[in-house]
Amino acid sequence: MKLHHVGIVVNSIQESLGELKRYLSFETTSAIMRVGSQKVNICLLKIGNPFLELIEPASPDSAISEFAKSGGGIHHLCFEVKNIELELE
C-alpha cells in the first residue's frame, strides 16, 4: 500500500491556500472541484508524497459542516493499492 493523500477539512479552500502559501511550497494539482454526492468541494495540493486534499463543505447540510465549524483537521488517509478486492479480503 502507498499513502496517496491526506484529506484535511477546512472552512474555506481559498483562505487555506493563502495561509498555506506562507508556510509550504506546493503545486495546486487540481482546480477546486465539487463532489456533489458528498456536498463538498476539494482541491489537491502536491507538496511531495503524499498529496494534501483540502475539503470544504459545499452546503450547510454537508456531513463535514460541523467538523469544519469546530476548526476542521485531518479527515482521512487515502491509500493506493493494486487490487482493492484483494486488500479488502
Protein backbone atom coordinates (compact mmCIF):
# COMPACT_ATOMS: atom_id res chain seq x y z
CA MET A 1 0.00 0.00 0.00
CA LYS A 2 1.08 3.53 -0.72
CA LEU A 3 -0.30 6.61 1.01
CA HIS A 4 -1.77 8.74 -1.79
CA HIS A 5 -3.16 11.72 0.13
CA VAL A 6 -4.21 13.11 3.47
CA GLY A 7 -7.67 14.70 3.48
CA ILE A 8 -7.98 17.83 5.63
CA VAL A 9 -11.28 19.56 6.38
CA VAL A 10 -11.15 23.36 6.17
CA ASN A 11 -13.75 26.12 6.32
CA SER A 12 -12.57 27.69 3.07
CA ILE A 13 -10.23 26.24 0.47
CA GLN A 14 -9.36 29.71 -0.87
CA GLU A 15 -8.44 31.06 2.58
CA SER A 16 -6.49 27.91 3.41
CA LEU A 17 -4.49 28.14 0.17
CA GLY A 18 -3.45 31.67 1.09
CA GLU A 19 -2.45 30.63 4.59
CA LEU A 20 -0.57 27.52 3.44
CA LYS A 21 1.46 29.55 0.93
CA ARG A 22 3.02 31.34 3.89
CA TYR A 23 4.49 28.07 5.21
CA LEU A 24 4.67 25.50 2.41
CA SER A 25 5.79 25.31 -1.17
CA PHE A 26 3.25 23.39 -3.21
CA GLU A 27 1.70 22.97 -6.62
CA THR A 28 -2.08 23.04 -6.94
CA THR A 29 -2.77 19.93 -8.99
CA SER A 30 -6.48 20.45 -9.43
CA ALA A 31 -8.93 23.29 -9.60
CA ILE A 32 -11.45 23.41 -6.81
CA MET A 33 -13.86 20.61 -7.70
CA ARG A 34 -17.32 19.90 -6.39
CA VAL A 35 -18.20 16.39 -5.22
CA GLY A 36 -21.96 16.73 -5.31
CA SER A 37 -22.73 13.34 -3.80
CA GLN A 38 -20.84 14.32 -0.64
CA LYS A 39 -21.74 18.03 -0.68
CA VAL A 40 -18.08 19.08 -0.53
CA ASN A 41 -15.53 20.93 -2.62
CA ILE A 42 -11.99 19.56 -2.85
CA CYS A 43 -8.58 20.67 -4.08
CA LEU A 44 -5.43 18.53 -4.33
CA LEU A 45 -2.03 20.01 -3.49
CA LYS A 46 1.29 18.44 -4.40
CA ILE A 47 3.79 19.06 -1.63
CA GLY A 48 5.70 15.86 -2.35
CA ASN A 49 4.41 12.45 -1.38
CA PRO A 50 1.72 12.17 -0.21
CA PHE A 51 -0.58 14.86 -1.63
CA LEU A 52 -2.80 17.04 0.57
CA GLU A 53 -6.50 17.22 -0.20
CA LEU A 54 -8.34 20.24 1.15
CA ILE A 55 -12.04 19.59 1.72
CA GLU A 56 -14.63 22.28 2.43
CA PRO A 57 -18.36 21.93 2.97
CA ALA A 58 -20.32 22.94 -0.13
CA SER A 59 -23.58 23.36 1.77
CA PRO A 60 -24.71 23.73 5.39
CA ASP A 61 -26.04 20.15 5.41
CA SER A 62 -22.73 18.60 4.31
CA ALA A 63 -21.59 15.74 6.53
CA ILE A 64 -18.43 17.71 7.34
CA SER A 65 -20.05 21.08 8.13
CA GLU A 66 -19.92 20.67 11.91
CA PHE A 67 -16.33 19.39 11.74
CA ALA A 68 -15.33 22.45 9.69
CA LYS A 69 -17.11 24.82 12.11
CA SER A 70 -15.19 23.33 15.02
CA GLY A 71 -11.86 24.02 13.33
CA GLY A 72 -11.55 21.07 10.94
CA GLY A 73 -8.42 18.96 10.71
CA ILE A 74 -7.37 15.58 9.39
CA HIS A 75 -10.38 13.78 7.97
CA HIS A 76 -8.98 10.72 6.20
CA LEU A 77 -5.99 8.92 4.74
CA CYS A 78 -6.28 7.58 1.21
CA PHE A 79 -4.15 4.59 0.23
CA GLU A 80 -3.34 3.48 -3.29
CA VAL A 81 -3.46 -0.29 -3.87
CA LYS A 82 -3.05 -2.52 -6.90
CA ASN A 83 -6.09 -4.71 -6.18
CA ILE A 84 -8.73 -3.36 -3.81
CA GLU A 85 -10.70 -6.62 -3.68
CA LEU A 86 -7.59 -8.49 -2.54
CA GLU A 87 -6.80 -5.83 0.06
CA LEU A 88 -10.34 -5.99 1.42
CA GLU A 89 -10.07 -9.73 1.90
